[in-house]
Structure formats: structure tokens, C-alpha cells
Amino acid sequence: MKIIYFIILSCVCVFSCHSQTENKGMNNMEKCHLNLSLLFYPSRVTESVVYSINIINDSLMIKADLSAGNKEYNGKLTNDQCLEIKKMTSALAQKYDRSDSFARDVWGCILKVDNQVYYEDNYFSFTPRSKQLGWQPPPEEIKLLIDYIVSLSPIPIELYGFA
């Protein structure tokens, strides 16, 4: 009789531990539900995307369409990276549309989260530019998110001049 109790107890322990492991894995996947795109293009030429960074769940896909040749990278985000991006995107409370701004020979930027445009600017730069030409810094929460996403790229994102 003791053997039967031992076998039953062992089975209960094994199945309950397995169930907890599966639930933990599912929770990590739920936390990593992401759909994000970051695009850089010559201002006012949105169909000529030079750099694109796409994050779908824990997949990181980067494409660079450069004159010296195309580069691509496909990788996985860590759980911590997913959580950090999730935290930053949840802080986005407002959409910013600066697509009316325009200056020659500059970069445009579009940030989409869950297929909604949260930031669009036809005069984007990582470094401050002349406000006389209409440059405005991105809002802080947008800047932090863009900087973090770009930092994940093994392909350098270089927004050079067009001269």
C-alpha cells in the first residue's frame, strides 16, 4: 500500500512541476507580445526606406539598403530586452505627427507600435540641429525608445548628410 501511495505522490509531483514550467514559458511569451517598426528614410520619400528595424514578439529584424550594398540581420531579443521595450511602449500616451515639417537633405523617421504610427517626423536627427530650419527634438519618451531600439542593432544606423 505504501508503494501505491508513493507512486501516486510521485506522479502528482511530476505533473505539477511540468505544468508550472509550461505556465512560466507561456507567461514569458505573453510578456513579449510586441509589434514595432522603426523606419528611417530620406525626408518626404517614405517609399525609399534606408533603415528598417522590426520587432515582432522576440524577433529582431534589421534591414539596411545602402549604396554600398544591402545588409540584413535577424536575431532574438532577450526576455529583459522585451520587457524593457514593453515598458517603454506602454509609456507612449500621445501620437506625434511632424510629417509637415520639411528641410532638404535630412532624414525622416516613422515609429509604429501595433501598426499605429506614434511618431512621424520629416526632419529627424539623433543630434540637435538648427531650430531656425524647423528642427524639433523628439519627445523624451520617443527619443528614449528610438535610442534603445537603435542600440540593439548590430548594423550601424548612420544618418549621414546627403550633400
C-alpha atoms as a PDB file:
ATOM      1  CA  MET A   1       0.000   0.000   0.000  1.00  0.00           C
ATOM      2  CA  LYS A   2       2.873   2.374   0.785  1.00  0.00           C
ATOM      3  CA  ILE A   3       4.273   1.744  -2.678  1.00  0.00           C
ATOM      4  CA  ILE A   4       0.978   2.753  -4.309  1.00  0.00           C
ATOM      5  CA  TYR A   5       0.864   5.991  -2.264  1.00  0.00           C
ATOM      6  CA  PHE A   6       4.472   6.697  -3.194  1.00  0.00           C
ATOM      7  CA  ILE A   7       3.759   6.167  -6.917  1.00  0.00           C
ATOM      8  CA  ILE A   8       0.661   8.383  -6.801  1.00  0.00           C
ATOM      9  CA  LEU A   9       2.532  11.109  -4.906  1.00  0.00           C
ATOM     10  CA  SER A  10       5.432  10.934  -7.361  1.00  0.00           C
ATOM     11  CA  CYS A  11       3.080  11.269 -10.346  1.00  0.00           C
ATOM     12  CA  VAL A  12       1.337  14.270  -8.793  1.00  0.00           C
ATOM     13  CA  CYS A  13       4.692  15.974  -8.139  1.00  0.00           C
ATOM     14  CA  VAL A  14       5.991  15.328 -11.664  1.00  0.00           C
ATOM     15  CA  PHE A  15       2.826  16.575 -13.371  1.00  0.00           C
ATOM     16  CA  SER A  16       2.509  19.668 -11.180  1.00  0.00           C
ATOM     17  CA  CYS A  17       6.155  20.665 -11.769  1.00  0.00           C
ATOM     18  CA  HIS A  18       5.748  20.152 -15.521  1.00  0.00           C
ATOM     19  CA  SER A  19       2.605  22.279 -15.511  1.00  0.00           C
ATOM     20  CA  GLN A  20       4.394  25.115 -13.680  1.00  0.00           C
ATOM     21  CA  THR A  21       7.261  25.008 -16.182  1.00  0.00           C
ATOM     22  CA  GLU A  22       4.824  25.257 -19.109  1.00  0.00           C
ATOM     23  CA  ASN A  23       2.966  28.161 -17.479  1.00  0.00           C
ATOM     24  CA  LYS A  24       6.217  30.026 -16.852  1.00  0.00           C
ATOM     25  CA  GLY A  25       7.177  29.652 -20.522  1.00  0.00           C
ATOM     26  CA  MET A  26       3.752  30.861 -21.615  1.00  0.00           C
ATOM     27  CA  ASN A  27       3.974  33.894 -19.308  1.00  0.00           C
ATOM     28  CA  ASN A  28       7.315  34.872 -20.870  1.00  0.00           C
ATOM     29  CA  MET A  29       5.792  34.680 -24.348  1.00  0.00           C
ATOM     30  CA  GLU A  30       2.783  36.735 -23.252  1.00  0.00           C
ATOM     31  CA  LYS A  31       5.073  39.406 -21.844  1.00  0.00           C
ATOM     32  CA  CYS A  32       6.954  39.524 -25.132  1.00  0.00           C
ATOM     33  CA  HIS A  33       3.971  40.316 -27.349  1.00  0.00           C
ATOM     34  CA  LEU A  34       5.488  43.127 -29.409  1.00  0.00           C
ATOM     35  CA  ASN A  35       4.823  44.557 -32.851  1.00  0.00           C
ATOM     36  CA  LEU A  36       7.029  47.526 -33.556  1.00  0.00           C
ATOM     37  CA  SER A  37       8.594  49.151 -36.642  1.00  0.00           C
ATOM     38  CA  LEU A  38      11.176  51.901 -36.816  1.00  0.00           C
ATOM     39  CA  LEU A  39      11.915  53.322 -40.275  1.00  0.00           C
ATOM     40  CA  PHE A  40      14.476  55.874 -41.451  1.00  0.00           C
ATOM     41  CA  TYR A  41      14.208  57.349 -44.941  1.00  0.00           C
ATOM     42  CA  PRO A  42      15.230  60.452 -46.900  1.00  0.00           C
ATOM     43  CA  SER A  43      12.783  63.169 -45.858  1.00  0.00           C
ATOM     44  CA  ARG A  44       9.451  63.047 -47.721  1.00  0.00           C
ATOM     45  CA  VAL A  45      10.400  59.816 -49.538  1.00  0.00           C
ATOM     46  CA  THR A  46       8.747  57.218 -47.306  1.00  0.00           C
ATOM     47  CA  GLU A  47       8.870  54.569 -50.029  1.00  0.00           C
ATOM     48  CA  SER A  48      12.697  54.719 -50.007  1.00  0.00           C
ATOM     49  CA  VAL A  49      13.341  53.299 -46.548  1.00  0.00           C
ATOM     50  CA  VAL A  50      17.088  53.050 -45.961  1.00  0.00           C
ATOM     51  CA  TYR A  51      16.996  51.523 -42.468  1.00  0.00           C
ATOM     52  CA  SER A  52      14.184  49.436 -41.027  1.00  0.00           C
ATOM     53  CA  ILE A  53      14.069  47.801 -37.620  1.00  0.00           C
ATOM     54  CA  ASN A  54      11.132  45.485 -36.976  1.00  0.00           C
ATOM     55  CA  ILE A  55      10.383  43.757 -33.710  1.00  0.00           C
ATOM     56  CA  ILE A  56       7.739  41.064 -33.693  1.00  0.00           C
ATOM     57  CA  ASN A  57       7.424  39.330 -30.330  1.00  0.00           C
ATOM     58  CA  ASP A  58      11.031  38.385 -29.548  1.00  0.00           C
ATOM     59  CA  SER A  59      12.312  38.567 -33.148  1.00  0.00           C
ATOM     60  CA  LEU A  60      14.549  41.456 -34.199  1.00  0.00           C
ATOM     61  CA  MET A  61      14.803  42.073 -37.958  1.00  0.00           C
ATOM     62  CA  ILE A  62      17.008  44.820 -39.342  1.00  0.00           C
ATOM     63  CA  LYS A  63      17.495  45.835 -42.968  1.00  0.00           C
ATOM     64  CA  ALA A  64      19.833  48.458 -44.344  1.00  0.00           C
ATOM     65  CA  ASP A  65      19.511  49.407 -48.005  1.00  0.00           C
ATOM     66  CA  LEU A  66      22.816  51.158 -48.515  1.00  0.00           C
ATOM     67  CA  SER A  67      24.525  52.292 -51.702  1.00  0.00           C
ATOM     68  CA  ALA A  68      27.469  50.041 -50.776  1.00  0.00           C
ATOM     69  CA  GLY A  69      25.105  47.043 -50.577  1.00  0.00           C
ATOM     70  CA  ASN A  70      22.260  45.704 -48.539  1.00  0.00           C
ATOM     71  CA  LYS A  71      22.697  44.334 -45.037  1.00  0.00           C
ATOM     72  CA  GLU A  72      20.284  42.222 -43.033  1.00  0.00           C
ATOM     73  CA  TYR A  73      20.205  40.873 -39.521  1.00  0.00           C
ATOM     74  CA  ASN A  74      17.715  38.503 -37.901  1.00  0.00           C
ATOM     75  CA  GLY A  75      18.042  37.733 -34.225  1.00  0.00           C
ATOM     76  CA  LYS A  76      16.202  37.178 -30.973  1.00  0.00           C
ATOM     77  CA  LEU A  77      15.659  39.574 -28.104  1.00  0.00           C
ATOM     78  CA  THR A  78      16.247  38.503 -24.539  1.00  0.00           C
ATOM     79  CA  ASN A  79      13.344  38.473 -22.128  1.00  0.00           C
ATOM     80  CA  ASP A  80      14.808  41.548 -20.391  1.00  0.00           C
ATOM     81  CA  GLN A  81      15.011  43.427 -23.704  1.00  0.00           C
ATOM     82  CA  CYS A  82      11.395  42.515 -24.491  1.00  0.00           C
ATOM     83  CA  LEU A  83      10.254  43.714 -21.086  1.00  0.00           C
ATOM     84  CA  GLU A  84      12.187  46.983 -21.432  1.00  0.00           C
ATOM     85  CA  ILE A  85      10.618  47.698 -24.839  1.00  0.00           C
ATOM     86  CA  LYS A  86       7.191  46.747 -23.497  1.00  0.00           C
ATOM     87  CA  LYS A  87       7.681  49.159 -20.580  1.00  0.00           C
ATOM     88  CA  MET A  88       8.775  51.969 -22.909  1.00  0.00           C
ATOM     89  CA  THR A  89       5.919  51.460 -25.372  1.00  0.00           C
ATOM     90  CA  SER A  90       3.378  51.437 -22.557  1.00  0.00           C
ATOM     91  CA  ALA A  91       4.632  54.930 -21.626  1.00  0.00           C
ATOM     92  CA  LEU A  92       3.616  56.286 -25.051  1.00  0.00           C
ATOM     93  CA  ALA A  93       0.490  58.276 -24.321  1.00  0.00           C
ATOM     94  CA  GLN A  94       0.345  60.553 -27.318  1.00  0.00           C
ATOM     95  CA  LYS A  95       0.955  60.328 -31.066  1.00  0.00           C
ATOM     96  CA  TYR A  96       3.262  62.886 -32.668  1.00  0.00           C
ATOM     97  CA  ASP A  97       2.898  63.839 -36.321  1.00  0.00           C
ATOM     98  CA  ARG A  98       5.556  66.153 -37.615  1.00  0.00           C
ATOM     99  CA  SER A  99       5.278  64.998 -41.206  1.00  0.00           C
ATOM    100  CA  ASP A 100       4.516  68.568 -42.307  1.00  0.00           C
ATOM    101  CA  SER A 101       7.991  69.714 -41.319  1.00  0.00           C
ATOM    102  CA  PHE A 102      10.486  69.592 -44.129  1.00  0.00           C
ATOM    103  CA  ALA A 103      14.064  70.535 -44.836  1.00  0.00           C
ATOM    104  CA  ARG A 104      16.185  69.422 -47.744  1.00  0.00           C
ATOM    105  CA  ASP A 105      18.775  66.688 -47.364  1.00  0.00           C
ATOM    106  CA  VAL A 106      17.591  65.401 -43.995  1.00  0.00           C
ATOM    107  CA  TRP A 107      16.135  62.174 -42.645  1.00  0.00           C
ATOM    108  CA  GLY A 108      12.575  61.182 -41.901  1.00  0.00           C
ATOM    109  CA  CYS A 109      11.552  58.733 -39.209  1.00  0.00           C
ATOM    110  CA  ILE A 110       8.417  56.695 -38.528  1.00  0.00           C
ATOM    111  CA  LEU A 111       7.797  54.737 -35.330  1.00  0.00           C
ATOM    112  CA  LYS A 112       4.877  52.307 -35.384  1.00  0.00           C
ATOM    113  CA  VAL A 113       3.629  50.339 -32.397  1.00  0.00           C
ATOM    114  CA  ASP A 114       0.950  47.716 -33.031  1.00  0.00           C
ATOM    115  CA  ASN A 115       0.551  49.095 -36.581  1.00  0.00           C
ATOM    116  CA  GLN A 116      -0.283  52.586 -35.292  1.00  0.00           C
ATOM    117  CA  VAL A 117       2.020  55.481 -36.083  1.00  0.00           C
ATOM    118  CA  TYR A 118       3.172  57.034 -32.804  1.00  0.00           C
ATOM    119  CA  TYR A 119       5.845  59.257 -34.250  1.00  0.00           C
ATOM    120  CA  GLU A 120       6.423  60.625 -37.739  1.00  0.00           C
ATOM    121  CA  ASP A 121       8.929  63.341 -38.474  1.00  0.00           C
ATOM    122  CA  ASN A 122      10.384  64.514 -41.787  1.00  0.00           C
ATOM    123  CA  TYR A 123      13.262  66.287 -40.044  1.00  0.00           C
ATOM    124  CA  PHE A 124      14.720  63.673 -37.697  1.00  0.00           C
ATOM    125  CA  SER A 125      18.206  63.618 -36.231  1.00  0.00           C
ATOM    126  CA  PHE A 126      19.912  61.882 -33.333  1.00  0.00           C
ATOM    127  CA  THR A 127      21.841  65.087 -32.662  1.00  0.00           C
ATOM    128  CA  PRO A 128      20.429  68.613 -32.219  1.00  0.00           C
ATOM    129  CA  ARG A 129      20.004  70.672 -35.373  1.00  0.00           C
ATOM    130  CA  SER A 130      19.186  74.284 -36.063  1.00  0.00           C
ATOM    131  CA  LYS A 131      15.746  75.204 -34.788  1.00  0.00           C
ATOM    132  CA  GLN A 132      15.727  78.010 -37.377  1.00  0.00           C
ATOM    133  CA  LEU A 133      15.264  75.336 -40.031  1.00  0.00           C
ATOM    134  CA  GLY A 134      12.354  73.832 -38.093  1.00  0.00           C
ATOM    135  CA  TRP A 135      14.097  71.014 -36.250  1.00  0.00           C
ATOM    136  CA  GLN A 136      12.451  69.943 -33.012  1.00  0.00           C
ATOM    137  CA  PRO A 137      13.794  67.282 -30.697  1.00  0.00           C
ATOM    138  CA  PRO A 138      11.605  64.197 -30.390  1.00  0.00           C
ATOM    139  CA  PRO A 139       9.577  63.971 -27.168  1.00  0.00           C
ATOM    140  CA  GLU A 140      11.606  62.357 -24.387  1.00  0.00           C
ATOM    141  CA  GLU A 141       9.655  59.052 -24.284  1.00  0.00           C
ATOM    142  CA  ILE A 142      10.004  58.704 -28.085  1.00  0.00           C
ATOM    143  CA  LYS A 143      13.707  59.582 -28.002  1.00  0.00           C
ATOM    144  CA  LEU A 144      14.408  57.011 -25.284  1.00  0.00           C
ATOM    145  CA  LEU A 145      12.560  54.286 -27.181  1.00  0.00           C
ATOM    146  CA  ILE A 146      14.242  55.072 -30.521  1.00  0.00           C
ATOM    147  CA  ASP A 147      17.686  55.243 -28.878  1.00  0.00           C
ATOM    148  CA  TYR A 148      17.101  51.899 -27.147  1.00  0.00           C
ATOM    149  CA  ILE A 149      15.878  50.159 -30.311  1.00  0.00           C
ATOM    150  CA  VAL A 150      18.797  51.519 -32.352  1.00  0.00           C
ATOM    151  CA  SER A 151      21.229  50.369 -29.648  1.00  0.00           C
ATOM    152  CA  LEU A 152      20.053  46.772 -30.229  1.00  0.00           C
ATOM    153  CA  SER A 153      21.156  46.872 -33.863  1.00  0.00           C
ATOM    154  CA  PRO A 154      24.440  45.196 -34.782  1.00  0.00           C
ATOM    155  CA  ILE A 155      24.193  47.127 -38.083  1.00  0.00           C
ATOM    156  CA  PRO A 156      25.253  50.767 -37.510  1.00  0.00           C
ATOM    157  CA  ILE A 157      22.417  53.231 -38.150  1.00  0.00           C
ATOM    158  CA  GLU A 158      24.226  56.223 -39.632  1.00  0.00           C
ATOM    159  CA  LEU A 159      22.051  59.163 -40.567  1.00  0.00           C
ATOM    160  CA  TYR A 160      24.653  60.975 -42.640  1.00  0.00           C
ATOM    161  CA  GLY A 161      24.210  64.111 -44.734  1.00  0.00           C
ATOM    162  CA  PHE A 162      23.050  63.906 -48.330  1.00  0.00           C
ATOM    163  CA  ALA A 163      25.400  66.548 -49.764  1.00  0.00           C
END
